[in-house]
Amino acid sequence: MKIIFNLLGCGLGNNGGVRTVLKSQQTLNELGHDCKVAAKVDNFTWFKHSPVVSSVPEDADAVVAASCVDAGRTANLPFGKKLWWIRAHETWSMSNALLEKIYLNPRLKNLVNSEWQYDNLRRIGADARIVYQGIDFEDWVDLKLRNQKNKTVIGCLYSRKPRKRWSDFLLLAETLGTANFEYMAYGTEKPPQGCDYIKYYRNPTLDELQILYSSCHIWFAPTNSEGLHNCPMEAALSGCAILCSDHPRNGMIDYARPGETAMVYSDIKEAIDMAKGYDYTLVGPMQELLHEKIGDRQKNMKYMVEIIEGM
């Protein structure tokens, strides 16, 4: 099949959502399909990828919108099967009312990448199917560098976006101090000011990410709005115990089961107490669940193709 990911409106930049689309494109091509990404702007630099196309070709068998700004335009195309792979509830780009209107568009097949988004769409009467992006299991290995540390190391994703709740990490670190704890973080933005005690990686390479994750005992995930949140999965596969919020839209309810696979807190005081006595026995069950439930990219892209073929 000829499958086009439509990013003409949003473009390509250095973020996890675009990385998912490009990795999915690669996997679909490996499976024997002709998959391209349509975009007018390509600023993605994390790894080499196929050149984008400047428009959606009319001979496309399926067009998959990858953002809310591209969903409506995709629905109005006069050719091909039309889908929207919803990887986040993008209230930062569009109002909730307008998002729900597009979710209910009968010309679009909705795919979501997390359980909470499935429930959110079903709540308003919109149809949806869960298609996870899959995990590159071969990339996430435990180098066991944390074994060389005399202090408990806590890692976190840095972003100035309020929904990422970086301020919770700062409060955690300020309360725990540096006598018995160390702190690491990474992100795409300039290093956070006033945080010299945090070892920060900006736009880390895969090798640097492996070192970072493998150096942390705990991965702290305070976010309150994600699709399927990738970082905690990568960290867990690299040997970190996951400490995450209980927000229903945090993008982790698919795999973060309280007391079974993750330490799940309801307020920052509880998170601080959990960090002091973190439960490392949760790592193995988390890794098993990720393999069994989420699976790799090939498994999930085969499922996406099955859905398209059944339309």
C-alpha atoms as a PDB file:
ATOM      1  CA  MET A   1       0.000   0.000   0.000  1.00  0.00           C
ATOM      2  CA  LYS A   2       0.952   3.616  -0.509  1.00  0.00           C
ATOM      3  CA  ILE A   3       0.615   5.285   2.900  1.00  0.00           C
ATOM      4  CA  ILE A   4       1.199   8.984   3.553  1.00  0.00           C
ATOM      5  CA  PHE A   5       1.653  10.568   6.964  1.00  0.00           C
ATOM      6  CA  ASN A   6       0.239  14.087   6.611  1.00  0.00           C
ATOM      7  CA  LEU A   7       2.256  16.716   8.529  1.00  0.00           C
ATOM      8  CA  LEU A   8       1.819  19.535   6.018  1.00  0.00           C
ATOM      9  CA  GLY A   9       0.350  21.844   8.622  1.00  0.00           C
ATOM     10  CA  CYS A  10       2.526  21.099  11.638  1.00  0.00           C
ATOM     11  CA  GLY A  11       5.856  20.253   9.992  1.00  0.00           C
ATOM     12  CA  LEU A  12       8.780  18.276  11.394  1.00  0.00           C
ATOM     13  CA  GLY A  13      10.716  19.377  14.457  1.00  0.00           C
ATOM     14  CA  ASN A  14      12.799  17.793  17.174  1.00  0.00           C
ATOM     15  CA  ASN A  15      10.157  16.178  19.384  1.00  0.00           C
ATOM     16  CA  GLY A  16       8.940  12.736  20.338  1.00  0.00           C
ATOM     17  CA  GLY A  17       5.822  12.906  18.179  1.00  0.00           C
ATOM     18  CA  VAL A  18       7.754  13.498  14.970  1.00  0.00           C
ATOM     19  CA  ARG A  19      10.276  10.838  15.968  1.00  0.00           C
ATOM     20  CA  THR A  20       7.375   8.385  16.270  1.00  0.00           C
ATOM     21  CA  VAL A  21       6.087   9.227  12.781  1.00  0.00           C
ATOM     22  CA  LEU A  22       9.513   8.836  11.173  1.00  0.00           C
ATOM     23  CA  LYS A  23      10.206   5.555  12.977  1.00  0.00           C
ATOM     24  CA  SER A  24       6.767   4.314  11.920  1.00  0.00           C
ATOM     25  CA  GLN A  25       7.486   5.309   8.325  1.00  0.00           C
ATOM     26  CA  GLN A  26      10.727   3.340   8.394  1.00  0.00           C
ATOM     27  CA  THR A  27       8.978   0.283   9.799  1.00  0.00           C
ATOM     28  CA  LEU A  28       6.143   0.394   7.258  1.00  0.00           C
ATOM     29  CA  ASN A  29       8.692   0.560   4.439  1.00  0.00           C
ATOM     30  CA  GLU A  30      10.554  -2.397   5.953  1.00  0.00           C
ATOM     31  CA  LEU A  31       7.251  -4.285   5.895  1.00  0.00           C
ATOM     32  CA  GLY A  32       7.040  -3.722   2.125  1.00  0.00           C
ATOM     33  CA  HIS A  33       4.770  -0.683   1.936  1.00  0.00           C
ATOM     34  CA  ASP A  34       5.463   2.611   0.196  1.00  0.00           C
ATOM     35  CA  CYS A  35       5.271   5.098   3.057  1.00  0.00           C
ATOM     36  CA  LYS A  36       6.172   8.773   2.851  1.00  0.00           C
ATOM     37  CA  VAL A  37       5.843  11.816   5.089  1.00  0.00           C
ATOM     38  CA  ALA A  38       4.278  14.956   3.616  1.00  0.00           C
ATOM     39  CA  ALA A  39       5.538  18.200   5.161  1.00  0.00           C
ATOM     40  CA  LYS A  40       6.469  21.721   4.106  1.00  0.00           C
ATOM     41  CA  VAL A  41       8.953  22.211   6.950  1.00  0.00           C
ATOM     42  CA  ASP A  42      11.555  19.661   8.022  1.00  0.00           C
ATOM     43  CA  ASN A  43      13.684  20.714  10.989  1.00  0.00           C
ATOM     44  CA  PHE A  44      14.119  17.235  12.450  1.00  0.00           C
ATOM     45  CA  THR A  45      17.793  16.479  13.142  1.00  0.00           C
ATOM     46  CA  TRP A  46      17.866  13.616  15.656  1.00  0.00           C
ATOM     47  CA  PHE A  47      18.618  11.006  12.988  1.00  0.00           C
ATOM     48  CA  LYS A  48      18.781  10.701   9.207  1.00  0.00           C
ATOM     49  CA  HIS A  49      15.455  10.034   7.511  1.00  0.00           C
ATOM     50  CA  SER A  50      13.914   9.888   4.059  1.00  0.00           C
ATOM     51  CA  PRO A  51      13.227  13.240   2.392  1.00  0.00           C
ATOM     52  CA  VAL A  52       9.704  14.531   2.907  1.00  0.00           C
ATOM     53  CA  VAL A  53       7.297  15.144   0.026  1.00  0.00           C
ATOM     54  CA  SER A  54       5.726  18.575  -0.408  1.00  0.00           C
ATOM     55  CA  SER A  55       2.140  17.415  -0.991  1.00  0.00           C
ATOM     56  CA  VAL A  56      -0.125  14.401  -0.533  1.00  0.00           C
ATOM     57  CA  PRO A  57      -0.083  12.393  -3.786  1.00  0.00           C
ATOM     58  CA  GLU A  58      -3.504  11.615  -5.241  1.00  0.00           C
ATOM     59  CA  ASP A  59      -2.638   7.935  -5.727  1.00  0.00           C
ATOM     60  CA  ALA A  60      -2.241   7.396  -1.964  1.00  0.00           C
ATOM     61  CA  ASP A  61      -4.154   4.392  -0.661  1.00  0.00           C
ATOM     62  CA  ALA A  62      -4.282   5.864   2.839  1.00  0.00           C
ATOM     63  CA  VAL A  63      -3.532   9.257   4.358  1.00  0.00           C
ATOM     64  CA  VAL A  64      -2.815   9.407   8.083  1.00  0.00           C
ATOM     65  CA  ALA A  65      -3.024  12.816   9.753  1.00  0.00           C
ATOM     66  CA  ALA A  66      -0.451  13.177  12.515  1.00  0.00           C
ATOM     67  CA  SER A  67      -1.689  16.354  14.203  1.00  0.00           C
ATOM     68  CA  CYS A  68      -4.939  18.194  14.863  1.00  0.00           C
ATOM     69  CA  VAL A  69      -4.067  20.931  12.354  1.00  0.00           C
ATOM     70  CA  ASP A  70      -3.742  18.285   9.629  1.00  0.00           C
ATOM     71  CA  ALA A  71      -6.772  16.194  10.592  1.00  0.00           C
ATOM     72  CA  GLY A  72      -9.479  18.396   9.071  1.00  0.00           C
ATOM     73  CA  ARG A  73      -7.568  18.844   5.830  1.00  0.00           C
ATOM     74  CA  THR A  74      -7.042  15.107   5.608  1.00  0.00           C
ATOM     75  CA  ALA A  75     -10.759  14.443   6.100  1.00  0.00           C
ATOM     76  CA  ASN A  76     -11.553  16.723   3.151  1.00  0.00           C
ATOM     77  CA  LEU A  77      -9.230  15.001   0.687  1.00  0.00           C
ATOM     78  CA  PRO A  78     -11.186  13.549  -2.280  1.00  0.00           C
ATOM     79  CA  PHE A  79      -9.084  10.375  -2.437  1.00  0.00           C
ATOM     80  CA  GLY A  80      -7.707   7.570  -0.281  1.00  0.00           C
ATOM     81  CA  LYS A  81      -8.689   6.139   3.061  1.00  0.00           C
ATOM     82  CA  LYS A  82      -8.413   8.843   5.707  1.00  0.00           C
ATOM     83  CA  LEU A  83      -7.258   8.369   9.281  1.00  0.00           C
ATOM     84  CA  TRP A  84      -6.054  10.459  12.211  1.00  0.00           C
ATOM     85  CA  TRP A  85      -3.417   8.943  14.484  1.00  0.00           C
ATOM     86  CA  ILE A  86      -4.096  10.898  17.668  1.00  0.00           C
ATOM     87  CA  ARG A  87      -0.952  10.817  19.813  1.00  0.00           C
ATOM     88  CA  ALA A  88      -2.000  13.610  22.189  1.00  0.00           C
ATOM     89  CA  HIS A  89      -5.071  15.664  23.116  1.00  0.00           C
ATOM     90  CA  GLU A  90      -3.648  18.853  21.594  1.00  0.00           C
ATOM     91  CA  THR A  91      -5.400  21.517  23.659  1.00  0.00           C
ATOM     92  CA  TRP A  92      -2.288  23.723  23.256  1.00  0.00           C
ATOM     93  CA  SER A  93      -3.083  23.968  19.515  1.00  0.00           C
ATOM     94  CA  MET A  94      -6.873  23.878  19.468  1.00  0.00           C
ATOM     95  CA  SER A  95      -9.823  24.247  21.817  1.00  0.00           C
ATOM     96  CA  ASN A  96     -11.344  21.168  23.403  1.00  0.00           C
ATOM     97  CA  ALA A  97     -14.636  21.828  21.603  1.00  0.00           C
ATOM     98  CA  LEU A  98     -12.962  21.973  18.192  1.00  0.00           C
ATOM     99  CA  LEU A  99     -10.902  18.852  18.887  1.00  0.00           C
ATOM    100  CA  GLU A 100     -14.060  16.959  19.798  1.00  0.00           C
ATOM    101  CA  LYS A 101     -15.742  18.163  16.614  1.00  0.00           C
ATOM    102  CA  ILE A 102     -12.920  16.655  14.549  1.00  0.00           C
ATOM    103  CA  TYR A 103     -12.968  13.444  16.612  1.00  0.00           C
ATOM    104  CA  LEU A 104     -16.618  13.067  15.550  1.00  0.00           C
ATOM    105  CA  ASN A 105     -15.909  13.679  11.838  1.00  0.00           C
ATOM    106  CA  PRO A 106     -17.356  10.622  10.033  1.00  0.00           C
ATOM    107  CA  ARG A 107     -14.817  10.954   7.198  1.00  0.00           C
ATOM    108  CA  LEU A 108     -11.907  10.169   9.556  1.00  0.00           C
ATOM    109  CA  LYS A 109     -10.941   6.883  11.183  1.00  0.00           C
ATOM    110  CA  ASN A 110      -9.581   7.669  14.653  1.00  0.00           C
ATOM    111  CA  LEU A 111      -6.507   5.842  15.919  1.00  0.00           C
ATOM    112  CA  VAL A 112      -5.209   6.642  19.407  1.00  0.00           C
ATOM    113  CA  ASN A 113      -2.024   5.579  21.174  1.00  0.00           C
ATOM    114  CA  SER A 114      -3.219   5.335  24.769  1.00  0.00           C
ATOM    115  CA  GLU A 115      -6.087   3.977  26.825  1.00  0.00           C
ATOM    116  CA  TRP A 116      -7.107   7.316  28.287  1.00  0.00           C
ATOM    117  CA  GLN A 117      -7.517   8.808  24.819  1.00  0.00           C
ATOM    118  CA  TYR A 118      -9.638   5.843  23.783  1.00  0.00           C
ATOM    119  CA  ASP A 119     -11.888   6.421  26.796  1.00  0.00           C
ATOM    120  CA  ASN A 120     -11.969  10.153  26.057  1.00  0.00           C
ATOM    121  CA  LEU A 121     -13.197   9.612  22.504  1.00  0.00           C
ATOM    122  CA  ARG A 122     -15.700   6.937  23.467  1.00  0.00           C
ATOM    123  CA  ARG A 123     -17.080   9.304  26.115  1.00  0.00           C
ATOM    124  CA  ILE A 124     -18.275  11.701  23.400  1.00  0.00           C
ATOM    125  CA  GLY A 125     -19.455   8.923  21.083  1.00  0.00           C
ATOM    126  CA  ALA A 126     -16.452   8.924  18.725  1.00  0.00           C
ATOM    127  CA  ASP A 127     -15.101   5.644  17.435  1.00  0.00           C
ATOM    128  CA  ALA A 128     -11.425   4.816  18.057  1.00  0.00           C
ATOM    129  CA  ARG A 129      -8.867   2.030  17.893  1.00  0.00           C
ATOM    130  CA  ILE A 130      -5.723   1.873  20.013  1.00  0.00           C
ATOM    131  CA  VAL A 131      -2.531   1.638  17.948  1.00  0.00           C
ATOM    132  CA  TYR A 132       0.604   1.968  20.038  1.00  0.00           C
ATOM    133  CA  GLN A 133       3.703   3.338  18.342  1.00  0.00           C
ATOM    134  CA  GLY A 134       5.781   0.404  19.562  1.00  0.00           C
ATOM    135  CA  ILE A 135       9.170   0.344  21.238  1.00  0.00           C
ATOM    136  CA  ASP A 136      12.691  -0.052  19.837  1.00  0.00           C
ATOM    137  CA  PHE A 137      13.644  -2.673  22.413  1.00  0.00           C
ATOM    138  CA  GLU A 138      17.110  -3.084  20.914  1.00  0.00           C
ATOM    139  CA  ASP A 139      17.943   0.549  21.743  1.00  0.00           C
ATOM    140  CA  TRP A 140      17.248   0.433  25.467  1.00  0.00           C
ATOM    141  CA  VAL A 141      19.841  -1.591  27.331  1.00  0.00           C
ATOM    142  CA  ASP A 142      20.892  -1.457  30.960  1.00  0.00           C
ATOM    143  CA  LEU A 143      24.561  -0.486  31.140  1.00  0.00           C
ATOM    144  CA  LYS A 144      24.297  -0.798  34.953  1.00  0.00           C
ATOM    145  CA  LEU A 145      26.130   2.455  35.546  1.00  0.00           C
ATOM    146  CA  ARG A 146      23.929   3.177  38.571  1.00  0.00           C
ATOM    147  CA  ASN A 147      25.792   0.416  40.382  1.00  0.00           C
ATOM    148  CA  GLN A 148      28.835   2.713  40.418  1.00  0.00           C
ATOM    149  CA  LYS A 149      26.967   5.486  42.242  1.00  0.00           C
ATOM    150  CA  ASN A 150      27.150   6.127  45.974  1.00  0.00           C
ATOM    151  CA  LYS A 151      23.984   8.225  45.867  1.00  0.00           C
ATOM    152  CA  THR A 152      20.488   7.606  44.540  1.00  0.00           C
ATOM    153  CA  VAL A 153      20.237   9.198  41.087  1.00  0.00           C
ATOM    154  CA  ILE A 154      16.898  10.607  39.910  1.00  0.00           C
ATOM    155  CA  GLY A 155      16.277  11.571  36.282  1.00  0.00           C
ATOM    156  CA  CYS A 156      13.562  13.638  34.616  1.00  0.00           C
ATOM    157  CA  LEU A 157      12.594  15.102  31.232  1.00  0.00           C
ATOM    158  CA  TYR A 158      13.081  18.864  31.043  1.00  0.00           C
ATOM    159  CA  SER A 159      10.609  21.168  29.315  1.00  0.00           C
ATOM    160  CA  ARG A 160       9.270  24.627  30.020  1.00  0.00           C
ATOM    161  CA  LYS A 161       5.779  23.510  28.961  1.00  0.00           C
ATOM    162  CA  PRO A 162       3.580  23.702  32.084  1.00  0.00           C
ATOM    163  CA  ARG A 163       1.986  20.298  31.431  1.00  0.00           C
ATOM    164  CA  LYS A 164       5.400  18.628  31.790  1.00  0.00           C
ATOM    165  CA  ARG A 165       5.550  19.880  35.411  1.00  0.00           C
ATOM    166  CA  TRP A 166       9.295  20.438  35.653  1.00  0.00           C
ATOM    167  CA  SER A 167       8.574  22.486  38.772  1.00  0.00           C
ATOM    168  CA  ASP A 168       7.613  19.257  40.560  1.00  0.00           C
ATOM    169  CA  PHE A 169      11.066  17.846  39.852  1.00  0.00           C
ATOM    170  CA  LEU A 170      12.685  20.972  41.251  1.00  0.00           C
ATOM    171  CA  LEU A 171      10.560  20.740  44.392  1.00  0.00           C
ATOM    172  CA  LEU A 172      11.460  17.073  44.749  1.00  0.00           C
ATOM    173  CA  ALA A 173      15.171  17.847  44.372  1.00  0.00           C
ATOM    174  CA  GLU A 174      15.090  20.845  46.706  1.00  0.00           C
ATOM    175  CA  THR A 175      13.402  18.770  49.396  1.00  0.00           C
ATOM    176  CA  LEU A 176      15.619  15.701  49.073  1.00  0.00           C
ATOM    177  CA  GLY A 177      18.829  17.719  48.749  1.00  0.00           C
ATOM    178  CA  THR A 178      22.188  16.552  47.434  1.00  0.00           C
ATOM    179  CA  ALA A 179      23.680  14.740  50.415  1.00  0.00           C
ATOM    180  CA  ASN A 180      22.182  11.395  49.394  1.00  0.00           C
ATOM    181  CA  PHE A 181      20.799  12.156  45.926  1.00  0.00           C
ATOM    182  CA  GLU A 182      22.018  13.206  42.485  1.00  0.00           C
ATOM    183  CA  TYR A 183      19.922  14.541  39.608  1.00  0.00           C
ATOM    184  CA  MET A 184      20.008  14.203  35.826  1.00  0.00           C
ATOM    185  CA  ALA A 185      17.778  15.477  33.032  1.00  0.00           C
ATOM    186  CA  TYR A 186      17.565  15.912  29.296  1.00  0.00           C
ATOM    187  CA  GLY A 187      15.530  17.941  26.823  1.00  0.00           C
ATOM    188  CA  THR A 188      15.647  19.937  23.615  1.00  0.00           C
ATOM    189  CA  GLU A 189      15.821  23.371  25.222  1.00  0.00           C
ATOM    190  CA  LYS A 190      18.695  25.343  26.725  1.00  0.00           C
ATOM    191  CA  PRO A 191      19.745  24.186  30.218  1.00  0.00           C
ATOM    192  CA  PRO A 192      17.363  25.306  32.952  1.00  0.00           C
ATOM    193  CA  GLN A 193      18.704  28.286  34.870  1.00  0.00           C
ATOM    194  CA  GLY A 194      19.717  27.962  38.504  1.00  0.00           C
ATOM    195  CA  CYS A 195      19.995  24.190  38.327  1.00  0.00           C
ATOM    196  CA  ASP A 196      23.746  23.633  38.323  1.00  0.00           C
ATOM    197  CA  TYR A 197      23.304  20.606  40.588  1.00  0.00           C
ATOM    198  CA  ILE A 198      21.436  18.811  37.770  1.00  0.00           C
ATOM    199  CA  LYS A 199      23.535  17.124  35.073  1.00  0.00           C
ATOM    200  CA  TYR A 200      21.763  18.148  31.887  1.00  0.00           C
ATOM    201  CA  TYR A 201      21.922  16.651  28.378  1.00  0.00           C
ATOM    202  CA  ARG A 202      20.564  18.803  25.569  1.00  0.00           C
ATOM    203  CA  ASN A 203      19.443  16.867  22.467  1.00  0.00           C
ATOM    204  CA  PRO A 204      21.327  13.759  23.594  1.00  0.00           C
ATOM    205  CA  THR A 205      22.442  11.108  21.148  1.00  0.00           C
ATOM    206  CA  LEU A 206      21.221   7.540  21.597  1.00  0.00           C
ATOM    207  CA  ASP A 207      24.515   6.634  23.287  1.00  0.00           C
ATOM    208  CA  GLU A 208      24.144   9.558  25.695  1.00  0.00           C
ATOM    209  CA  LEU A 209      20.561   8.591  26.486  1.00  0.00           C
ATOM    210  CA  GLN A 210      21.644   5.029  27.236  1.00  0.00           C
ATOM    211  CA  ILE A 211      24.265   6.386  29.641  1.00  0.00           C
ATOM    212  CA  LEU A 212      21.774   8.766  31.262  1.00  0.00           C
ATOM    213  CA  TYR A 213      19.030   6.192  31.803  1.00  0.00           C
ATOM    214  CA  SER A 214      21.512   3.548  32.960  1.00  0.00           C
ATOM    215  CA  SER A 215      22.915   5.964  35.540  1.00  0.00           C
ATOM    216  CA  CYS A 216      19.533   6.641  37.178  1.00  0.00           C
ATOM    217  CA  HIS A 217      17.966   4.588  39.931  1.00  0.00           C
ATOM    218  CA  ILE A 218      14.642   6.420  39.569  1.00  0.00           C
ATOM    219  CA  TRP A 219      12.954   8.032  36.563  1.00  0.00           C
ATOM    220  CA  PHE A 220      10.600  10.788  37.707  1.00  0.00           C
ATOM    221  CA  ALA A 221       7.634  11.436  35.378  1.00  0.00           C
ATOM    222  CA  PRO A 222       5.370  14.224  36.707  1.00  0.00           C
ATOM    223  CA  THR A 223       3.595  15.132  33.433  1.00  0.00           C
ATOM    224  CA  ASN A 224      -0.180  15.550  33.369  1.00  0.00           C
ATOM    225  CA  SER A 225      -0.896  15.450  29.625  1.00  0.00           C
ATOM    226  CA  GLU A 226       0.641  13.033  27.127  1.00  0.00           C
ATOM    227  CA  GLY A 227      -0.400  10.469  24.597  1.00  0.00           C
ATOM    228  CA  LEU A 228       1.616   7.337  25.328  1.00  0.00           C
ATOM    229  CA  HIS A 229       4.601   8.709  27.254  1.00  0.00           C
ATOM    230  CA  ASN A 230       7.823   7.284  25.803  1.00  0.00           C
ATOM    231  CA  CYS A 231      10.513   8.399  28.261  1.00  0.00           C
ATOM    232  CA  PRO A 232       9.425   6.269  31.244  1.00  0.00           C
ATOM    233  CA  MET A 233       9.214   3.194  29.011  1.00  0.00           C
ATOM    234  CA  GLU A 234      12.737   3.768  27.719  1.00  0.00           C
ATOM    235  CA  ALA A 235      14.003   4.408  31.247  1.00  0.00           C
ATOM    236  CA  ALA A 236      12.334   1.288  32.623  1.00  0.00           C
ATOM    237  CA  LEU A 237      13.859  -0.894  29.897  1.00  0.00           C
ATOM    238  CA  SER A 238      17.223   0.633  30.855  1.00  0.00           C
ATOM    239  CA  GLY A 239      16.775  -0.437  34.471  1.00  0.00           C
ATOM    240  CA  CYS A 240      15.101   2.553  36.172  1.00  0.00           C
ATOM    241  CA  ALA A 241      12.329   2.336  38.720  1.00  0.00           C
ATOM    242  CA  ILE A 242       9.477   4.576  37.537  1.00  0.00           C
ATOM    243  CA  LEU A 243       8.018   7.228  39.830  1.00  0.00           C
ATOM    244  CA  CYS A 244       5.074   8.925  38.140  1.00  0.00           C
ATOM    245  CA  SER A 245       2.006  11.032  38.809  1.00  0.00           C
ATOM    246  CA  ASP A 246      -1.470   9.546  39.003  1.00  0.00           C
ATOM    247  CA  HIS A 247      -2.989  12.109  36.647  1.00  0.00           C
ATOM    248  CA  PRO A 248      -5.516  10.242  34.435  1.00  0.00           C
ATOM    249  CA  ARG A 249      -4.096  11.846  31.259  1.00  0.00           C
ATOM    250  CA  ASN A 250      -0.412  11.358  32.061  1.00  0.00           C
ATOM    251  CA  GLY A 251       0.156   8.892  29.201  1.00  0.00           C
ATOM    252  CA  MET A 252       1.322   6.145  31.548  1.00  0.00           C
ATOM    253  CA  ILE A 253      -1.836   4.379  32.725  1.00  0.00           C
ATOM    254  CA  ASP A 254      -1.286   1.808  29.955  1.00  0.00           C
ATOM    255  CA  TYR A 255       1.780   0.458  31.751  1.00  0.00           C
ATOM    256  CA  ALA A 256       2.257   2.165  35.156  1.00  0.00           C
ATOM    257  CA  ARG A 257       0.307  -0.001  37.570  1.00  0.00           C
ATOM    258  CA  PRO A 258       0.530   1.255  41.161  1.00  0.00           C
ATOM    259  CA  GLY A 259       2.585  -1.077  43.305  1.00  0.00           C
ATOM    260  CA  GLU A 260       2.922  -3.600  40.477  1.00  0.00           C
ATOM    261  CA  THR A 261       5.101  -1.936  37.843  1.00  0.00           C
ATOM    262  CA  ALA A 262       5.569   1.642  39.096  1.00  0.00           C
ATOM    263  CA  MET A 263       5.491   3.946  42.098  1.00  0.00           C
ATOM    264  CA  VAL A 264       2.457   6.158  41.449  1.00  0.00           C
ATOM    265  CA  TYR A 265       1.978   9.254  43.606  1.00  0.00           C
ATOM    266  CA  SER A 266      -0.974  11.559  44.138  1.00  0.00           C
ATOM    267  CA  ASP A 267       0.926  14.561  45.563  1.00  0.00           C
ATOM    268  CA  ILE A 268       4.523  15.720  45.762  1.00  0.00           C
ATOM    269  CA  LYS A 269       4.882  14.761  49.428  1.00  0.00           C
ATOM    270  CA  GLU A 270       4.026  11.178  48.550  1.00  0.00           C
ATOM    271  CA  ALA A 271       6.511  11.298  45.661  1.00  0.00           C
ATOM    272  CA  ILE A 272       9.257  12.468  48.031  1.00  0.00           C
ATOM    273  CA  ASP A 273       8.541   9.615  50.442  1.00  0.00           C
ATOM    274  CA  MET A 274       8.576   7.099  47.585  1.00  0.00           C
ATOM    275  CA  ALA A 275      11.906   8.419  46.306  1.00  0.00           C
ATOM    276  CA  LYS A 276      13.459   7.952  49.738  1.00  0.00           C
ATOM    277  CA  GLY A 277      12.505   4.279  49.769  1.00  0.00           C
ATOM    278  CA  TYR A 278      12.161   3.458  46.094  1.00  0.00           C
ATOM    279  CA  ASP A 279      11.023  -0.041  45.141  1.00  0.00           C
ATOM    280  CA  TYR A 280      13.458  -1.582  42.660  1.00  0.00           C
ATOM    281  CA  THR A 281      11.478  -4.850  42.497  1.00  0.00           C
ATOM    282  CA  LEU A 282       9.009  -3.098  40.174  1.00  0.00           C
ATOM    283  CA  VAL A 283      11.522  -2.874  37.310  1.00  0.00           C
ATOM    284  CA  GLY A 284      11.285  -6.503  36.150  1.00  0.00           C
ATOM    285  CA  PRO A 285       7.461  -6.594  36.023  1.00  0.00           C
ATOM    286  CA  MET A 286       7.438  -3.258  34.170  1.00  0.00           C
ATOM    287  CA  GLN A 287       9.836  -4.583  31.537  1.00  0.00           C
ATOM    288  CA  GLU A 288       7.748  -7.733  31.071  1.00  0.00           C
ATOM    289  CA  LEU A 289       4.544  -5.706  30.674  1.00  0.00           C
ATOM    290  CA  LEU A 290       6.114  -3.419  28.070  1.00  0.00           C
ATOM    291  CA  HIS A 291       7.182  -6.403  25.979  1.00  0.00           C
ATOM    292  CA  GLU A 292       3.829  -8.157  26.265  1.00  0.00           C
ATOM    293  CA  LYS A 293       1.376  -5.255  26.042  1.00  0.00           C
ATOM    294  CA  ILE A 294       3.033  -2.468  24.057  1.00  0.00           C
ATOM    295  CA  GLY A 295       5.294  -4.557  21.836  1.00  0.00           C
ATOM    296  CA  ASP A 296       7.674  -3.467  19.103  1.00  0.00           C
ATOM    297  CA  ARG A 297       7.092  -1.216  16.105  1.00  0.00           C
ATOM    298  CA  GLN A 298       6.598  -4.058  13.627  1.00  0.00           C
ATOM    299  CA  LYS A 299       3.768  -5.546  15.677  1.00  0.00           C
ATOM    300  CA  ASN A 300       1.979  -2.202  15.911  1.00  0.00           C
ATOM    301  CA  MET A 301       2.501  -1.114  12.318  1.00  0.00           C
ATOM    302  CA  LYS A 302       1.169  -4.479  11.117  1.00  0.00           C
ATOM    303  CA  TYR A 303      -1.917  -3.777  13.200  1.00  0.00           C
ATOM    304  CA  MET A 304      -2.271  -0.315  11.683  1.00  0.00           C
ATOM    305  CA  VAL A 305      -2.114  -1.860   8.212  1.00  0.00           C
ATOM    306  CA  GLU A 306      -4.808  -4.394   9.182  1.00  0.00           C
ATOM    307  CA  ILE A 307      -7.086  -1.528  10.235  1.00  0.00           C
ATOM    308  CA  ILE A 308      -6.465   0.361   6.982  1.00  0.00           C
ATOM    309  CA  GLU A 309      -7.106  -2.741   4.888  1.00  0.00           C
ATOM    310  CA  GLY A 310     -10.390  -3.322   6.744  1.00  0.00           C
ATOM    311  CA  MET A 311     -11.756   0.153   5.991  1.00  0.00           C
END
